[in-house]
Amino acid sequence: MKEEVGEIQIAAETWRPEQVLEWAFARFGNTVAISSAFGAEGMALIDIASRVRKGFRLFTLDTEFLFPETYNLMDQVEQRYGITIEKVYPLNSPEEQERLHGAALWERNPDQCCNLRKVEPLRRKLGELRAWITSIRRDQTTARAGAGKVEWDEKFGLVKINPIVDWSSKQVWQYIRQHNVPFNKLHERSYPSIGCTHCTRAVRPGEDPRAGRWSGSSKTECGLHIIQPLTVPPEAGA
């Protein structure tokens, strides 16, 4: 599979999001799923996917610390697109996590909290799949700057597909308005990037759009999208 990804990566960079999704659904069928936290990018991607294929798989990592507005949006997604969101939960409930690791782990060790409530559940879910689809964009963080539309995910050992990776935030919102796509109402209250309640705040005027995530720390990623480049054999790159 790695070899096939290497062959298609360059060609895929010229594809529109619809073409990327058409290839993904045709190539992987029911063994590919969209991962979404239902941000603006995620909602645009879900809507595009609904125009390409009916009945696609969609999952989310429910950390059990999400905003009420996010849960409300999930209900809207299921009703509008006629799909059932596959919700993936951490192994431990919030109460069990506090008993095992102490209170407010997200304040003392946010990386460990993200690993327990996001990375480990994602690893379990991806074990069921041959490919996953995300709505990340290159200009969101430095860790995502090198992401391709189709790439091999070395961290989780499967194909990773990013159909709107070359879009700007402006393009995302143009799509949402043009197609009347529902979105998280927190976006209207200065929350451009939305995660868990404990680690997300509104962004102040002039701040980076992701300044509200893990505010006060150097952390910028939960660990799901740390890009590791495809390993190319020496003879192939000679």
Protein backbone atom coordinates (compact mmCIF):
# COMPACT_ATOMS: atom_id res chain seq x y z
CA MET A 1 0.00 0.00 0.00
CA LYS A 2 2.87 2.37 0.76
CA GLU A 3 4.13 1.95 -2.80
CA GLU A 4 0.71 2.74 -4.27
CA VAL A 5 0.49 5.90 -2.16
CA GLY A 6 3.90 6.99 -3.34
CA GLU A 7 2.81 6.59 -6.94
CA ILE A 8 -0.43 8.53 -6.56
CA GLN A 9 0.71 11.37 -4.27
CA ILE A 10 1.88 13.73 -7.00
CA ALA A 11 -1.13 13.18 -9.25
CA ALA A 12 -3.53 13.67 -6.35
CA GLU A 13 -2.20 17.18 -5.71
CA THR A 14 -4.00 18.36 -8.87
CA TRP A 15 -7.35 16.84 -7.88
CA ARG A 16 -10.32 18.77 -6.58
CA PRO A 17 -11.77 17.62 -3.22
CA GLU A 18 -14.55 15.76 -5.04
CA GLN A 19 -12.02 13.83 -7.09
CA VAL A 20 -9.99 12.92 -4.02
CA LEU A 21 -13.10 11.60 -2.31
CA GLU A 22 -14.25 9.71 -5.41
CA TRP A 23 -10.89 7.96 -5.52
CA ALA A 24 -10.97 7.21 -1.79
CA PHE A 25 -14.47 5.74 -1.82
CA ALA A 26 -13.79 3.71 -4.97
CA ARG A 27 -10.43 2.42 -3.73
CA PHE A 28 -11.35 1.59 -0.13
CA GLY A 29 -15.14 1.21 -0.03
CA ASN A 30 -16.38 0.60 3.49
CA THR A 31 -12.85 0.46 4.91
CA VAL A 32 -12.38 4.24 4.68
CA ALA A 33 -14.08 6.74 6.99
CA ILE A 34 -14.12 10.47 7.55
CA SER A 35 -12.82 11.64 10.92
CA SER A 36 -14.37 14.88 12.12
CA ALA A 37 -14.55 17.15 15.14
CA PHE A 38 -17.19 19.21 13.30
CA GLY A 39 -15.25 22.43 12.90
CA ALA A 40 -15.85 24.63 9.86
CA GLU A 41 -13.45 22.56 7.74
CA GLY A 42 -15.04 19.33 8.86
CA MET A 43 -18.53 20.54 8.01
CA ALA A 44 -17.47 21.65 4.53
CA LEU A 45 -15.85 18.27 3.91
CA ILE A 46 -18.89 16.34 5.15
CA ASP A 47 -21.12 18.30 2.80
CA ILE A 48 -18.79 17.68 -0.16
CA ALA A 49 -18.70 13.96 0.68
CA SER A 50 -22.51 13.85 0.78
CA ARG A 51 -22.54 15.01 -2.86
CA VAL A 52 -20.06 12.32 -3.88
CA ARG A 53 -21.45 9.29 -2.06
CA LYS A 54 -24.47 8.47 0.07
CA GLY A 55 -23.96 6.47 3.21
CA PHE A 56 -20.28 7.21 3.77
CA ARG A 57 -18.74 6.38 7.15
CA LEU A 58 -18.15 9.22 9.58
CA PHE A 59 -16.62 8.95 13.04
CA THR A 60 -15.71 11.34 15.83
CA LEU A 61 -13.59 11.11 18.95
CA ASP A 62 -15.98 11.94 21.77
CA THR A 63 -13.68 12.95 24.60
CA GLU A 64 -16.74 13.51 26.83
CA PHE A 65 -15.43 17.05 27.35
CA LEU A 66 -16.98 18.63 24.25
CA PHE A 67 -19.09 21.79 24.15
CA PRO A 68 -22.91 21.50 24.12
CA GLU A 69 -22.84 23.34 20.79
CA THR A 70 -20.69 20.56 19.33
CA TYR A 71 -23.10 17.85 20.46
CA ASN A 72 -26.01 19.85 19.03
CA LEU A 73 -24.21 20.07 15.69
CA MET A 74 -23.67 16.30 15.66
CA ASP A 75 -27.44 15.85 15.89
CA GLN A 76 -27.91 18.24 12.96
CA VAL A 77 -25.37 16.32 10.89
CA GLU A 78 -27.13 13.00 11.43
CA GLN A 79 -30.51 14.50 10.54
CA ARG A 80 -29.38 16.48 7.49
CA TYR A 81 -27.17 13.82 5.89
CA GLY A 82 -29.04 10.72 7.00
CA ILE A 83 -26.00 9.05 8.57
CA THR A 84 -25.13 7.72 11.99
CA ILE A 85 -21.95 9.16 13.45
CA GLU A 86 -19.66 6.46 14.83
CA LYS A 87 -18.65 7.83 18.24
CA VAL A 88 -15.36 6.62 19.66
CA TYR A 89 -14.84 6.99 23.40
CA PRO A 90 -11.76 6.85 25.67
CA LEU A 91 -11.23 3.66 27.64
CA ASN A 92 -11.79 5.56 30.90
CA SER A 93 -14.68 7.83 31.80
CA PRO A 94 -13.82 11.34 33.08
CA GLU A 95 -14.39 10.07 36.62
CA GLU A 96 -12.10 7.07 36.12
CA GLN A 97 -9.43 9.28 34.59
CA GLU A 98 -9.52 11.57 37.63
CA ARG A 99 -9.24 8.58 39.95
CA LEU A 100 -6.29 7.13 38.02
CA HIS A 101 -4.42 10.32 37.11
CA GLY A 102 -5.67 12.99 39.46
CA ALA A 103 -7.90 15.99 38.97
CA ALA A 104 -7.61 18.33 35.97
CA LEU A 105 -5.03 16.28 34.07
CA TRP A 106 -5.50 18.64 31.11
CA GLU A 107 -3.92 21.43 33.18
CA ARG A 108 -0.98 19.43 34.55
CA ASN A 109 -0.19 17.28 31.54
CA PRO A 110 -2.26 18.18 28.47
CA ASP A 111 -0.26 15.84 26.24
CA GLN A 112 -1.16 12.86 28.42
CA CYS A 113 -4.80 13.94 28.53
CA CYS A 114 -4.93 14.21 24.73
CA ASN A 115 -3.23 10.84 24.41
CA LEU A 116 -5.78 9.16 26.67
CA ARG A 117 -8.88 10.85 25.26
CA LYS A 118 -7.94 11.30 21.59
CA VAL A 119 -4.85 9.50 20.33
CA GLU A 120 -5.50 6.09 21.91
CA PRO A 121 -9.18 6.04 20.84
CA LEU A 122 -8.16 7.07 17.31
CA ARG A 123 -5.58 4.29 17.17
CA ARG A 124 -8.26 1.77 18.12
CA LYS A 125 -10.65 3.09 15.47
CA LEU A 126 -8.06 3.21 12.71
CA GLY A 127 -7.29 -0.43 13.42
CA GLU A 128 -10.65 -1.18 11.74
CA LEU A 129 -9.81 0.80 8.59
CA ARG A 130 -7.48 0.82 5.60
CA ALA A 131 -7.68 4.60 5.14
CA TRP A 132 -9.00 7.67 6.92
CA ILE A 133 -10.12 11.06 5.64
CA THR A 134 -9.48 14.32 7.49
CA SER A 135 -10.28 18.00 6.98
CA ILE A 136 -6.89 19.43 7.98
CA ARG A 137 -5.43 22.39 6.07
CA ARG A 138 -1.74 23.13 5.52
CA ASP A 139 -1.88 26.69 6.84
CA GLN A 140 -3.41 25.71 10.20
CA THR A 141 -0.14 24.72 11.94
CA THR A 142 3.49 24.14 11.02
CA ALA A 143 3.00 20.42 11.67
CA ARG A 144 0.41 20.31 8.89
CA ALA A 145 2.31 22.41 6.35
CA GLY A 146 3.75 19.37 4.56
CA ALA A 147 0.56 17.30 4.43
CA GLY A 148 -0.47 15.86 1.07
CA LYS A 149 -3.91 15.19 -0.35
CA VAL A 150 -3.03 11.50 -0.26
CA GLU A 151 -0.23 10.22 1.97
CA TRP A 152 0.94 7.27 4.01
CA ASP A 153 0.31 7.76 7.71
CA GLU A 154 3.44 6.26 9.28
CA LYS A 155 2.17 6.88 12.79
CA PHE A 156 -0.99 4.81 12.44
CA GLY A 157 -0.01 2.56 9.55
CA LEU A 158 -2.66 3.30 6.93
CA VAL A 159 -3.51 5.73 4.13
CA LYS A 160 -4.42 9.28 5.13
CA ILE A 161 -6.50 11.43 2.80
CA ASN A 162 -6.81 15.22 3.15
CA PRO A 163 -9.11 16.49 0.37
CA ILE A 164 -9.14 20.19 1.35
CA VAL A 165 -5.56 20.43 2.62
CA ASP A 166 -4.77 23.22 0.12
CA TRP A 167 -7.85 25.31 0.93
CA SER A 168 -7.73 28.57 2.84
CA SER A 169 -10.07 29.46 5.69
CA LYS A 170 -11.73 31.91 3.30
CA GLN A 171 -12.49 29.09 0.85
CA VAL A 172 -13.97 26.99 3.65
CA TRP A 173 -16.37 29.72 4.70
CA GLN A 174 -17.27 30.57 1.12
CA TYR A 175 -18.30 26.95 0.65
CA ILE A 176 -20.30 26.89 3.89
CA ARG A 177 -22.25 30.04 2.96
CA GLN A 178 -22.76 29.00 -0.66
CA HIS A 179 -24.26 25.64 0.31
CA ASN A 180 -25.93 26.70 3.57
CA VAL A 181 -23.93 24.16 5.54
CA PRO A 182 -24.64 24.06 9.30
CA PHE A 183 -21.75 25.03 11.55
CA ASN A 184 -20.83 25.26 15.23
CA LYS A 185 -22.37 28.42 16.67
CA LEU A 186 -19.22 28.96 18.76
CA HIS A 187 -17.59 30.16 15.53
CA GLU A 188 -19.77 33.27 15.82
CA ARG A 189 -18.39 33.89 19.32
CA SER A 190 -14.67 34.11 18.39
CA TYR A 191 -13.93 30.37 18.53
CA PRO A 192 -12.26 29.66 15.14
CA SER A 193 -10.86 26.33 16.41
CA ILE A 194 -12.94 24.22 18.79
CA GLY A 195 -11.82 21.30 20.93
CA CYS A 196 -12.58 20.29 24.51
CA THR A 197 -14.15 22.73 26.95
CA HIS A 198 -11.16 22.67 29.30
CA CYS A 199 -8.57 23.53 26.63
CA THR A 200 -10.44 25.91 24.32
CA ARG A 201 -11.15 29.61 24.76
CA ALA A 202 -12.33 32.45 22.56
CA VAL A 203 -9.63 34.16 20.49
CA ARG A 204 -8.90 37.83 21.15
CA PRO A 205 -8.62 40.40 18.34
CA GLY A 206 -5.27 40.10 16.56
CA GLU A 207 -4.46 36.63 17.91
CA ASP A 208 -3.65 33.60 15.78
CA PRO A 209 -6.80 31.58 14.95
CA ARG A 210 -5.48 28.66 17.03
CA ALA A 211 -4.41 30.77 20.01
CA GLY A 212 -7.49 29.60 21.87
CA ARG A 213 -6.31 25.98 21.89
CA TRP A 214 -4.20 24.98 24.92
CA SER A 215 -3.80 28.66 25.75
CA GLY A 216 -0.80 29.46 27.92
CA SER A 217 1.25 26.50 26.72
CA SER A 218 3.43 25.78 23.69
CA LYS A 219 1.13 22.92 22.68
CA THR A 220 -0.47 23.37 19.23
CA GLU A 221 -1.51 19.82 18.30
CA CYS A 222 -3.40 17.06 20.11
CA GLY A 223 -1.17 14.48 18.43
CA LEU A 224 -3.52 13.17 15.77
CA HIS A 225 -1.96 15.04 12.84
CA ILE A 226 1.77 15.06 13.46
CA ILE A 227 2.98 14.48 9.92
CA GLN A 228 5.67 11.89 9.31
CA PRO A 229 6.93 11.86 5.69
CA LEU A 230 6.77 8.79 3.51
CA THR A 231 10.01 6.84 3.69
CA VAL A 232 11.50 6.61 0.19
CA PRO A 233 14.02 3.83 -0.55
CA PRO A 234 17.50 5.25 -1.35
CA GLU A 235 17.46 3.95 -4.92
CA ALA A 236 14.11 5.63 -5.60
CA GLY A 237 15.39 9.01 -4.56
CA ALA A 238 18.84 8.72 -6.14
